[in-house]
Amino acid sequence: MSLDRTDIEKIAWLARLSIAGDDIPNYARDLSNILDLVKQLSAIGTANVKPMAHPLEITARLREDKITEVNQREHFQKIAPAVDNGHYLVPKVIE
C-alpha cells in the first residue's frame, strides 16, 4: 500500500501531530512499508497454530507466600497528617 502526502497529513491531523513538510515523504515511505509488512503477515495461514503464553515450554517457579515485613501500621499512622478510625484522610480532589 502506498501512502501519499494527503494521507500522511490526514493521519497527522487525526493523531493531532505536527509534522514538518519536508518530513512527510519519509513518513509516507515508512508507514507504507509497515502496512505492506502487515499485509504480508495477514496472508500467513495461522489456523493450525496453537496459541502460546510463552515461546519456551517452561513453568514459573512460585515462591512460598509468607510475610517478610514487620507490621508498621501504628508507626506510619502516628506520622500521617490526618487519620480517622485507622484510615488515612486525604484532601478532596473532585467536587
PDB file of N, CA and C in Angstrom:
ATOM      1  N   MET A   1       0.848  -1.164   0.000  1.00  0.00           N
ATOM      2  CA  MET A   1       0.000   0.000   0.000  1.00  0.00           C
ATOM      3  C   MET A   1       0.901   1.237   0.000  1.00  0.00           C
ATOM      4  N   SER A   2       0.583   2.160  -0.839  1.00  0.00           N
ATOM      5  CA  SER A   2       1.395   3.361  -0.956  1.00  0.00           C
ATOM      6  C   SER A   2       0.594   4.569  -0.459  1.00  0.00           C
ATOM      7  N   LEU A   3       1.144   5.236   0.539  1.00  0.00           N
ATOM      8  CA  LEU A   3       0.501   6.419   1.082  1.00  0.00           C
ATOM      9  C   LEU A   3       1.092   7.660   0.429  1.00  0.00           C
ATOM     10  N   ASP A   4       0.263   8.660   0.206  1.00  0.00           N
ATOM     11  CA  ASP A   4       0.773   9.902  -0.377  1.00  0.00           C
ATOM     12  C   ASP A   4       0.712  11.032   0.649  1.00  0.00           C
ATOM     13  N   ARG A   5       1.064  12.214   0.214  1.00  0.00           N
ATOM     14  CA  ARG A   5       1.153  13.367   1.098  1.00  0.00           C
ATOM     15  C   ARG A   5      -0.168  13.654   1.819  1.00  0.00           C
ATOM     16  N   THR A   6      -1.292  13.569   1.107  1.00  0.00           N
ATOM     17  CA  THR A   6      -2.588  13.868   1.730  1.00  0.00           C
ATOM     18  C   THR A   6      -2.940  12.830   2.796  1.00  0.00           C
ATOM     19  N   ASP A   7      -2.572  11.565   2.560  1.00  0.00           N
ATOM     20  CA  ASP A   7      -2.823  10.523   3.566  1.00  0.00           C
ATOM     21  C   ASP A   7      -2.047  10.823   4.847  1.00  0.00           C
ATOM     22  N   ILE A   8      -0.785  11.182   4.710  1.00  0.00           N
ATOM     23  CA  ILE A   8       0.049  11.471   5.876  1.00  0.00           C
ATOM     24  C   ILE A   8      -0.468  12.699   6.607  1.00  0.00           C
ATOM     25  N   GLU A   9      -0.866  13.724   5.863  1.00  0.00           N
ATOM     26  CA  GLU A   9      -1.398  14.926   6.505  1.00  0.00           C
ATOM     27  C   GLU A   9      -2.685  14.621   7.268  1.00  0.00           C
ATOM     28  N   LYS A  10      -3.535  13.763   6.710  1.00  0.00           N
ATOM     29  CA  LYS A  10      -4.783  13.409   7.385  1.00  0.00           C
ATOM     30  C   LYS A  10      -4.495  12.569   8.632  1.00  0.00           C
ATOM     31  N   ILE A  11      -3.567  11.618   8.522  1.00  0.00           N
ATOM     32  CA  ILE A  11      -3.201  10.792   9.683  1.00  0.00           C
ATOM     33  C   ILE A  11      -2.621  11.678  10.783  1.00  0.00           C
ATOM     34  N   ALA A  12      -1.758  12.612  10.408  1.00  0.00           N
ATOM     35  CA  ALA A  12      -1.170  13.530  11.392  1.00  0.00           C
ATOM     36  C   ALA A  12      -2.247  14.385  12.038  1.00  0.00           C
ATOM     37  N   TRP A  13      -3.212  14.853  11.258  1.00  0.00           N
ATOM     38  CA  TRP A  13      -4.297  15.662  11.814  1.00  0.00           C
ATOM     39  C   TRP A  13      -5.136  14.844  12.792  1.00  0.00           C
ATOM     40  N   LEU A  14      -5.466  13.592  12.417  1.00  0.00           N
ATOM     41  CA  LEU A  14      -6.259  12.731  13.287  1.00  0.00           C
ATOM     42  C   LEU A  14      -5.531  12.414  14.590  1.00  0.00           C
ATOM     43  N   ALA A  15      -4.203  12.268  14.498  1.00  0.00           N
ATOM     44  CA  ALA A  15      -3.401  11.963  15.680  1.00  0.00           C
ATOM     45  C   ALA A  15      -2.984  13.220  16.425  1.00  0.00           C
ATOM     46  N   ARG A  16      -3.388  14.375  15.915  1.00  0.00           N
ATOM     47  CA  ARG A  16      -3.034  15.668  16.499  1.00  0.00           C
ATOM     48  C   ARG A  16      -1.520  15.823  16.605  1.00  0.00           C
ATOM     49  N   LEU A  17      -0.819  15.447  15.510  1.00  0.00           N
ATOM     50  CA  LEU A  17       0.633  15.570  15.437  1.00  0.00           C
ATOM     51  C   LEU A  17       1.004  16.671  14.472  1.00  0.00           C
ATOM     52  N   SER A  18       2.093  17.341  14.761  1.00  0.00           N
ATOM     53  CA  SER A  18       2.618  18.361  13.862  1.00  0.00           C
ATOM     54  C   SER A  18       3.835  17.769  13.154  1.00  0.00           C
ATOM     55  N   ILE A  19       3.757  17.659  11.839  1.00  0.00           N
ATOM     56  CA  ILE A  19       4.848  17.091  11.049  1.00  0.00           C
ATOM     57  C   ILE A  19       5.340  18.148  10.077  1.00  0.00           C
ATOM     58  N   ALA A  20       6.648  18.329  10.044  1.00  0.00           N
ATOM     59  CA  ALA A  20       7.239  19.290   9.109  1.00  0.00           C
ATOM     60  C   ALA A  20       7.013  18.794   7.680  1.00  0.00           C
ATOM     61  N   GLY A  21       6.807  19.733   6.761  1.00  0.00           N
ATOM     62  CA  GLY A  21       6.518  19.375   5.369  1.00  0.00           C
ATOM     63  C   GLY A  21       7.607  18.557   4.705  1.00  0.00           C
ATOM     64  N   ASP A  22       8.875  18.817   5.045  1.00  0.00           N
ATOM     65  CA  ASP A  22       9.952  18.057   4.407  1.00  0.00           C
ATOM     66  C   ASP A  22      10.114  16.659   5.011  1.00  0.00           C
ATOM     67  N   ASP A  23       9.441  16.361   6.138  1.00  0.00           N
ATOM     68  CA  ASP A  23       9.488  15.016   6.729  1.00  0.00           C
ATOM     69  C   ASP A  23       8.385  14.105   6.194  1.00  0.00           C
ATOM     70  N   ILE A  24       7.399  14.668   5.509  1.00  0.00           N
ATOM     71  CA  ILE A  24       6.245  13.880   5.045  1.00  0.00           C
ATOM     72  C   ILE A  24       6.647  12.739   4.111  1.00  0.00           C
ATOM     73  N   PRO A  25       7.561  12.937   3.136  1.00  0.00           N
ATOM     74  CA  PRO A  25       7.937  11.798   2.287  1.00  0.00           C
ATOM     75  C   PRO A  25       8.539  10.630   3.078  1.00  0.00           C
ATOM     76  N   ASN A  26       9.320  10.928   4.117  1.00  0.00           N
ATOM     77  CA  ASN A  26       9.896   9.850   4.933  1.00  0.00           C
ATOM     78  C   ASN A  26       8.807   9.102   5.700  1.00  0.00           C
ATOM     79  N   TYR A  27       7.851   9.856   6.252  1.00  0.00           N
ATOM     80  CA  TYR A  27       6.731   9.216   6.951  1.00  0.00           C
ATOM     81  C   TYR A  27       5.907   8.370   5.983  1.00  0.00           C
ATOM     82  N   ALA A  28       5.681   8.881   4.795  1.00  0.00           N
ATOM     83  CA  ALA A  28       4.898   8.134   3.800  1.00  0.00           C
ATOM     84  C   ALA A  28       5.587   6.823   3.450  1.00  0.00           C
ATOM     85  N   ARG A  29       6.894   6.876   3.240  1.00  0.00           N
ATOM     86  CA  ARG A  29       7.649   5.658   2.903  1.00  0.00           C
ATOM     87  C   ARG A  29       7.621   4.669   4.060  1.00  0.00           C
ATOM     88  N   ASP A  30       7.891   5.152   5.293  1.00  0.00           N
ATOM     89  CA  ASP A  30       7.943   4.251   6.445  1.00  0.00           C
ATOM     90  C   ASP A  30       6.582   3.634   6.758  1.00  0.00           C
ATOM     91  N   LEU A  31       5.528   4.447   6.744  1.00  0.00           N
ATOM     92  CA  LEU A  31       4.197   3.907   7.014  1.00  0.00           C
ATOM     93  C   LEU A  31       3.735   2.950   5.917  1.00  0.00           C
ATOM     94  N   SER A  32       4.095   3.235   4.667  1.00  0.00           N
ATOM     95  CA  SER A  32       3.757   2.317   3.569  1.00  0.00           C
ATOM     96  C   SER A  32       4.458   0.982   3.765  1.00  0.00           C
ATOM     97  N   ASN A  33       5.721   1.012   4.188  1.00  0.00           N
ATOM     98  CA  ASN A  33       6.456  -0.238   4.441  1.00  0.00           C
ATOM     99  C   ASN A  33       5.823  -1.026   5.585  1.00  0.00           C
ATOM    100  N   ILE A  34       5.391  -0.327   6.629  1.00  0.00           N
ATOM    101  CA  ILE A  34       4.747  -1.006   7.752  1.00  0.00           C
ATOM    102  C   ILE A  34       3.441  -1.658   7.307  1.00  0.00           C
ATOM    103  N   LEU A  35       2.640  -0.938   6.531  1.00  0.00           N
ATOM    104  CA  LEU A  35       1.368  -1.505   6.059  1.00  0.00           C
ATOM    105  C   LEU A  35       1.596  -2.674   5.116  1.00  0.00           C
ATOM    106  N   ASP A  36       2.648  -2.624   4.293  1.00  0.00           N
ATOM    107  CA  ASP A  36       2.973  -3.765   3.429  1.00  0.00           C
ATOM    108  C   ASP A  36       3.366  -4.983   4.255  1.00  0.00           C
ATOM    109  N   LEU A  37       4.121  -4.766   5.333  1.00  0.00           N
ATOM    110  CA  LEU A  37       4.508  -5.876   6.199  1.00  0.00           C
ATOM    111  C   LEU A  37       3.282  -6.483   6.879  1.00  0.00           C
ATOM    112  N   VAL A  38       2.354  -5.649   7.331  1.00  0.00           N
ATOM    113  CA  VAL A  38       1.125  -6.150   7.944  1.00  0.00           C
ATOM    114  C   VAL A  38       0.320  -6.967   6.935  1.00  0.00           C
ATOM    115  N   LYS A  39       0.297  -6.514   5.683  1.00  0.00           N
ATOM    116  CA  LYS A  39      -0.413  -7.257   4.644  1.00  0.00           C
ATOM    117  C   LYS A  39       0.227  -8.628   4.421  1.00  0.00           C
ATOM    118  N   GLN A  40       1.562  -8.680   4.433  1.00  0.00           N
ATOM    119  CA  GLN A  40       2.259  -9.967   4.282  1.00  0.00           C
ATOM    120  C   GLN A  40       1.948 -10.889   5.455  1.00  0.00           C
ATOM    121  N   LEU A  41       1.961 -10.342   6.667  1.00  0.00           N
ATOM    122  CA  LEU A  41       1.685 -11.161   7.846  1.00  0.00           C
ATOM    123  C   LEU A  41       0.246 -11.657   7.844  1.00  0.00           C
ATOM    124  N   SER A  42      -0.678 -10.854   7.337  1.00  0.00           N
ATOM    125  CA  SER A  42      -2.083 -11.260   7.286  1.00  0.00           C
ATOM    126  C   SER A  42      -2.303 -12.411   6.313  1.00  0.00           C
ATOM    127  N   ALA A  43      -1.434 -12.543   5.328  1.00  0.00           N
ATOM    128  CA  ALA A  43      -1.587 -13.595   4.326  1.00  0.00           C
ATOM    129  C   ALA A  43      -1.123 -14.956   4.846  1.00  0.00           C
ATOM    130  N   ILE A  44      -0.428 -14.984   5.960  1.00  0.00           N
ATOM    131  CA  ILE A  44       0.088 -16.243   6.504  1.00  0.00           C
ATOM    132  C   ILE A  44      -1.046 -16.997   7.184  1.00  0.00           C
ATOM    133  N   GLY A  45      -1.156 -18.269   6.878  1.00  0.00           N
ATOM    134  CA  GLY A  45      -2.193 -19.105   7.488  1.00  0.00           C
ATOM    135  C   GLY A  45      -1.823 -19.479   8.914  1.00  0.00           C
ATOM    136  N   THR A  46      -2.681 -19.165   9.843  1.00  0.00           N
ATOM    137  CA  THR A  46      -2.419 -19.479  11.246  1.00  0.00           C
ATOM    138  C   THR A  46      -3.510 -20.357  11.856  1.00  0.00           C
ATOM    139  N   ALA A  47      -4.294 -20.997  11.036  1.00  0.00           N
ATOM    140  CA  ALA A  47      -5.421 -21.798  11.537  1.00  0.00           C
ATOM    141  C   ALA A  47      -4.941 -22.960  12.395  1.00  0.00           C
ATOM    142  N   ASN A  48      -3.815 -23.561  12.070  1.00  0.00           N
ATOM    143  CA  ASN A  48      -3.336 -24.735  12.806  1.00  0.00           C
ATOM    144  C   ASN A  48      -2.268 -24.398  13.843  1.00  0.00           C
ATOM    145  N   VAL A  49      -2.093 -23.113  14.138  1.00  0.00           N
ATOM    146  CA  VAL A  49      -1.089 -22.701  15.114  1.00  0.00           C
ATOM    147  C   VAL A  49      -1.738 -22.620  16.491  1.00  0.00           C
ATOM    148  N   LYS A  50      -1.141 -23.324  17.435  1.00  0.00           N
ATOM    149  CA  LYS A  50      -1.667 -23.350  18.796  1.00  0.00           C
ATOM    150  C   LYS A  50      -1.217 -22.089  19.546  1.00  0.00           C
ATOM    151  N   PRO A  51      -2.128 -21.366  20.188  1.00  0.00           N
ATOM    152  CA  PRO A  51      -1.744 -20.172  20.950  1.00  0.00           C
ATOM    153  C   PRO A  51      -0.819 -20.531  22.104  1.00  0.00           C
ATOM    154  N   MET A  52       0.139 -19.660  22.365  1.00  0.00           N
ATOM    155  CA  MET A  52       1.098 -19.908  23.437  1.00  0.00           C
ATOM    156  C   MET A  52       1.133 -18.702  24.376  1.00  0.00           C
ATOM    157  N   ALA A  53       1.408 -18.962  25.635  1.00  0.00           N
ATOM    158  CA  ALA A  53       1.600 -17.881  26.590  1.00  0.00           C
ATOM    159  C   ALA A  53       3.068 -17.485  26.641  1.00  0.00           C
ATOM    160  N   HIS A  54       3.945 -18.412  26.263  1.00  0.00           N
ATOM    161  CA  HIS A  54       5.388 -18.173  26.311  1.00  0.00           C
ATOM    162  C   HIS A  54       6.039 -19.034  25.237  1.00  0.00           C
ATOM    163  N   PRO A  55       7.072 -18.544  24.556  1.00  0.00           N
ATOM    164  CA  PRO A  55       7.676 -19.339  23.482  1.00  0.00           C
ATOM    165  C   PRO A  55       8.433 -20.573  23.973  1.00  0.00           C
ATOM    166  N   LEU A  56       8.801 -20.604  25.228  1.00  0.00           N
ATOM    167  CA  LEU A  56       9.505 -21.763  25.775  1.00  0.00           C
ATOM    168  C   LEU A  56       8.555 -22.560  26.653  1.00  0.00           C
ATOM    169  N   GLU A  57       8.691 -23.851  26.634  1.00  0.00           N
ATOM    170  CA  GLU A  57       7.833 -24.721  27.434  1.00  0.00           C
ATOM    171  C   GLU A  57       8.383 -24.799  28.859  1.00  0.00           C
ATOM    172  N   ILE A  58       8.203 -23.730  29.622  1.00  0.00           N
ATOM    173  CA  ILE A  58       8.672 -23.710  30.998  1.00  0.00           C
ATOM    174  C   ILE A  58       7.515 -23.297  31.901  1.00  0.00           C
ATOM    175  N   THR A  59       7.637 -23.661  33.155  1.00  0.00           N
ATOM    176  CA  THR A  59       6.648 -23.224  34.132  1.00  0.00           C
ATOM    177  C   THR A  59       7.328 -22.281  35.108  1.00  0.00           C
ATOM    178  N   ALA A  60       6.581 -21.338  35.601  1.00  0.00           N
ATOM    179  CA  ALA A  60       7.129 -20.377  36.533  1.00  0.00           C
ATOM    180  C   ALA A  60       7.250 -20.997  37.915  1.00  0.00           C
ATOM    181  N   ARG A  61       8.393 -20.737  38.541  1.00  0.00           N
ATOM    182  CA  ARG A  61       8.566 -21.203  39.918  1.00  0.00           C
ATOM    183  C   ARG A  61       7.829 -20.240  40.833  1.00  0.00           C
ATOM    184  N   LEU A  62       7.052 -20.775  41.725  1.00  0.00           N
ATOM    185  CA  LEU A  62       6.303 -19.954  42.652  1.00  0.00           C
ATOM    186  C   LEU A  62       6.999 -19.960  44.000  1.00  0.00           C
ATOM    187  N   ARG A  63       7.093 -18.789  44.598  1.00  0.00           N
ATOM    188  CA  ARG A  63       7.706 -18.716  45.923  1.00  0.00           C
ATOM    189  C   ARG A  63       6.642 -18.965  46.980  1.00  0.00           C
ATOM    190  N   GLU A  64       7.107 -19.323  48.146  1.00  0.00           N
ATOM    191  CA  GLU A  64       6.205 -19.548  49.261  1.00  0.00           C
ATOM    192  C   GLU A  64       5.587 -18.210  49.676  1.00  0.00           C
ATOM    193  N   ASP A  65       4.307 -18.209  49.944  1.00  0.00           N
ATOM    194  CA  ASP A  65       3.609 -16.989  50.332  1.00  0.00           C
ATOM    195  C   ASP A  65       3.735 -16.812  51.841  1.00  0.00           C
ATOM    196  N   LYS A  66       4.746 -16.032  52.241  1.00  0.00           N
ATOM    197  CA  LYS A  66       4.943 -15.811  53.669  1.00  0.00           C
ATOM    198  C   LYS A  66       5.223 -14.334  53.919  1.00  0.00           C
ATOM    199  N   ILE A  67       4.902 -13.880  55.110  1.00  0.00           N
ATOM    200  CA  ILE A  67       5.091 -12.487  55.489  1.00  0.00           C
ATOM    201  C   ILE A  67       6.573 -12.244  55.726  1.00  0.00           C
ATOM    202  N   THR A  68       7.095 -11.198  55.087  1.00  0.00           N
ATOM    203  CA  THR A  68       8.508 -10.871  55.255  1.00  0.00           C
ATOM    204  C   THR A  68       8.709  -9.503  55.879  1.00  0.00           C
ATOM    205  N   GLU A  69       7.657  -8.718  55.993  1.00  0.00           N
ATOM    206  CA  GLU A  69       7.746  -7.373  56.565  1.00  0.00           C
ATOM    207  C   GLU A  69       7.113  -7.343  57.951  1.00  0.00           C
ATOM    208  N   VAL A  70       7.610  -6.444  58.770  1.00  0.00           N
ATOM    209  CA  VAL A  70       7.049  -6.228  60.103  1.00  0.00           C
ATOM    210  C   VAL A  70       5.894  -5.241  59.979  1.00  0.00           C
ATOM    211  N   ASN A  71       4.833  -5.467  60.723  1.00  0.00           N
ATOM    212  CA  ASN A  71       3.680  -4.569  60.693  1.00  0.00           C
ATOM    213  C   ASN A  71       4.073  -3.224  61.311  1.00  0.00           C
ATOM    214  N   GLN A  72       4.060  -2.156  60.518  1.00  0.00           N
ATOM    215  CA  GLN A  72       4.429  -0.825  60.990  1.00  0.00           C
ATOM    216  C   GLN A  72       3.257   0.157  60.886  1.00  0.00           C
ATOM    217  N   ARG A  73       2.057  -0.364  60.910  1.00  0.00           N
ATOM    218  CA  ARG A  73       0.878   0.479  60.736  1.00  0.00           C
ATOM    219  C   ARG A  73       0.789   1.581  61.788  1.00  0.00           C
ATOM    220  N   GLU A  74       0.996   1.236  63.035  1.00  0.00           N
ATOM    221  CA  GLU A  74       0.908   2.226  64.109  1.00  0.00           C
ATOM    222  C   GLU A  74       1.937   3.334  63.903  1.00  0.00           C
ATOM    223  N   HIS A  75       3.140   2.959  63.531  1.00  0.00           N
ATOM    224  CA  HIS A  75       4.202   3.951  63.304  1.00  0.00           C
ATOM    225  C   HIS A  75       3.816   4.912  62.177  1.00  0.00           C
ATOM    226  N   PHE A  76       3.342   4.386  61.063  1.00  0.00           N
ATOM    227  CA  PHE A  76       3.004   5.230  59.916  1.00  0.00           C
ATOM    228  C   PHE A  76       1.766   6.091  60.188  1.00  0.00           C
ATOM    229  N   GLN A  77       0.829   5.584  60.956  1.00  0.00           N
ATOM    230  CA  GLN A  77      -0.346   6.389  61.254  1.00  0.00           C
ATOM    231  C   GLN A  77      -0.034   7.496  62.263  1.00  0.00           C
ATOM    232  N   LYS A  78       0.978   7.305  63.104  1.00  0.00           N
ATOM    233  CA  LYS A  78       1.380   8.361  64.032  1.00  0.00           C
ATOM    234  C   LYS A  78       1.960   9.559  63.291  1.00  0.00           C
ATOM    235  N   ILE A  79       2.668   9.304  62.194  1.00  0.00           N
ATOM    236  CA  ILE A  79       3.314  10.403  61.464  1.00  0.00           C
ATOM    237  C   ILE A  79       2.473  10.920  60.295  1.00  0.00           C
ATOM    238  N   ALA A  80       1.314  10.309  60.065  1.00  0.00           N
ATOM    239  CA  ALA A  80       0.434  10.763  58.976  1.00  0.00           C
ATOM    240  C   ALA A  80      -0.227  12.077  59.362  1.00  0.00           C
ATOM    241  N   PRO A  81      -0.480  12.969  58.387  1.00  0.00           N
ATOM    242  CA  PRO A  81      -1.111  14.252  58.698  1.00  0.00           C
ATOM    243  C   PRO A  81      -2.523  14.113  59.256  1.00  0.00           C
ATOM    244  N   ALA A  82      -3.311  13.166  58.744  1.00  0.00           N
ATOM    245  CA  ALA A  82      -4.695  13.019  59.216  1.00  0.00           C
ATOM    246  C   ALA A  82      -5.114  11.555  59.146  1.00  0.00           C
ATOM    247  N   VAL A  83      -5.610  11.053  60.274  1.00  0.00           N
ATOM    248  CA  VAL A  83      -6.051   9.660  60.357  1.00  0.00           C
ATOM    249  C   VAL A  83      -7.381   9.649  61.109  1.00  0.00           C
ATOM    250  N   ASP A  84      -8.293   8.781  60.665  1.00  0.00           N
ATOM    251  CA  ASP A  84      -9.568   8.640  61.359  1.00  0.00           C
ATOM    252  C   ASP A  84      -9.960   7.176  61.369  1.00  0.00           C
ATOM    253  N   ASN A  85     -10.059   6.600  62.555  1.00  0.00           N
ATOM    254  CA  ASN A  85     -10.507   5.223  62.725  1.00  0.00           C
ATOM    255  C   ASN A  85      -9.664   4.238  61.896  1.00  0.00           C
ATOM    256  N   GLY A  86      -8.345   4.456  61.880  1.00  0.00           N
ATOM    257  CA  GLY A  86      -7.439   3.554  61.178  1.00  0.00           C
ATOM    258  C   GLY A  86      -7.293   3.812  59.691  1.00  0.00           C
ATOM    259  N   HIS A  87      -7.946   4.848  59.165  1.00  0.00           N
ATOM    260  CA  HIS A  87      -7.859   5.190  57.748  1.00  0.00           C
ATOM    261  C   HIS A  87      -7.123   6.504  57.570  1.00  0.00           C
ATOM    262  N   TYR A  88      -6.355   6.615  56.490  1.00  0.00           N
ATOM    263  CA  TYR A  88      -5.676   7.861  56.163  1.00  0.00           C
ATOM    264  C   TYR A  88      -6.675   8.800  55.503  1.00  0.00           C
ATOM    265  N   LEU A  89      -6.700  10.046  55.935  1.00  0.00           N
ATOM    266  CA  LEU A  89      -7.578  11.052  55.354  1.00  0.00           C
ATOM    267  C   LEU A  89      -6.775  11.886  54.378  1.00  0.00           C
ATOM    268  N   VAL A  90      -7.348  12.119  53.199  1.00  0.00           N
ATOM    269  CA  VAL A  90      -6.677  12.902  52.160  1.00  0.00           C
ATOM    270  C   VAL A  90      -7.587  14.045  51.728  1.00  0.00           C
ATOM    271  N   PRO A  91      -7.005  15.106  51.179  1.00  0.00           N
ATOM    272  CA  PRO A  91      -7.852  16.218  50.706  1.00  0.00           C
ATOM    273  C   PRO A  91      -8.749  15.784  49.558  1.00  0.00           C
ATOM    274  N   LYS A  92      -9.934  16.384  49.502  1.00  0.00           N
ATOM    275  CA  LYS A  92     -10.880  16.099  48.420  1.00  0.00           C
ATOM    276  C   LYS A  92     -10.345  16.730  47.141  1.00  0.00           C
ATOM    277  N   VAL A  93     -10.281  15.959  46.052  1.00  0.00           N
ATOM    278  CA  VAL A  93      -9.747  16.470  44.790  1.00  0.00           C
ATOM    279  C   VAL A  93     -10.809  16.582  43.702  1.00  0.00           C
ATOM    280  N   ILE A  94     -11.942  15.941  43.864  1.00  0.00           N
ATOM    281  CA  ILE A  94     -13.016  16.010  42.875  1.00  0.00           C
ATOM    282  C   ILE A  94     -14.252  16.558  43.565  1.00  0.00           C
ATOM    283  N   GLU A  95     -14.822  17.582  42.982  1.00  0.00           N
ATOM    284  CA  GLU A  95     -16.007  18.211  43.568  1.00  0.00           C
ATOM    285  C   GLU A  95     -17.251  17.453  43.168  1.00  0.00           C
TER     286      GLU A  95
END
